[in-house]
Amino acid sequence: MTPVQFRRHLHANPELSFREEHTARFIAERLAEEGIPCRTVAGTGILACVEGDLTRHPHRATVLRADIDALPITEAVDCQWRSRNEGVMHACGHDMHVAVLFGVLQQLNRSRDFEGTVLGLFQPAEECNPGGAQAVIADNPFDGYEIRAVIGAHVEAGMPVGSFGFRAGKFMASNDELRFTVTGRGGHAAMREHLIDPVAAAARLILLLSELNGPDCVVSTGRVTADGATNVIPDEVKTEGTMRTFDESLRRSVKLRIAEIAAEIDALHGTRTTVDIDEGYPCVVNDPELTARAFAAAERRFKAVELPRRATSEDFGRYGELWPSLFYRFGVGEESGATHTPRFAPDERAIECGIEFMSMLVKEFSND
């Protein structure tokens, strides 16, 4: 099976986080056809193993990671391989990531012209908090190996095919989910003297949270539920949002400030606010040496660009807390559309470029 055929099958059969049973079986079956041993990890993930023929140090390993889950989005792209699972779509390019990793393992298994061992990690549940990387690490799948590098890649919508983007150091933000319940005393909207208005308190909360935004911090509210009516104030209001930072000390201090803001609003309005901060991913921090070498390798064969920091997040950051890691982005076409939308349609020519470049990195990092 070619990597493009592999991708199209996955695209037509997307599955949500930690529900990737068909996906995992399909990956394992295709690896078995290639003679590549594998096993399950983190429930619905797959860990493959390919050993090089140049091996003087068999316990030295490079980990290649691809995420396998899809998003709860109804696809609007009209193609033969469009999603067959209504309301679920590979709208973030994870099917492209998996196809690239499969193609790399195919090539390496046939050539074996590298030092050490390559571990191919097909990771579940990147799209949910706290993320599948945490479950992978809890399984200790790399015990017995000296991990030289953990490498991951992500599609970049709007960037030309054959281009690769890098950033050394802090690249992507941490991610925490924010949930608030503001409780008051509802009633007739015209009888304000009898109310403790949770809607007004929640509105003030949203405005004060937005004032926390700055170059190193994002706080956004994405959902507000106030189940009243034009003349009815409800007893409670629920809000949900996200918080992103690039610094762990700032991350802690912003959480404390959020709790203080909630208490100040309660004192002013007489409400009672519960604050639930669900801790998510850490920052993605790229090893400077790995990044410099990857940038140079991309320049030799493709187009390499330096990327700015981005407030989006990725649970790949958990690997960087433990091992030297590199997370880069590869272009999937200027007409691909935006990720996380129903019309995202990456250019499949990017798969071959992605395979060639990731294979280059394996040899770059393992053969030194």
Foldseek 3Di string as FASTA:
>chain_A
DALVVQLLQLQQEAAAFLPCQVVQVSLCVVCVVLVWDWDDFLNSKIKTKAAAPVEPPQQAEEEEEAERHWAQQAADDDDPSHYPDGRTGNQFCSSLQVSLLSLLCSVCNVHSHFYYMYMYIHFGAFPDPQGRVVRRVVRVPSPSHDYLEYEYEGADEQDAQQEKEFAAFFAEWFKKKKKKKKFWAKDWQVPPVPTLAQVVLVVVLQVVQCVPDDPFKHKHWDDKDFPADPTIGDRMIMTMIMMIGRDPVVVVVSVVVSVVSNVVSCVVRVIDMDIDMRGHAHTAHAHVVLRVLLQVLSVVRGHYDYDHHDHHGTNVSVVVVPHHYTYMYGYQHSPQDDGPHSRGHGNSVSSVSSNVSVSVSSRVRGHD
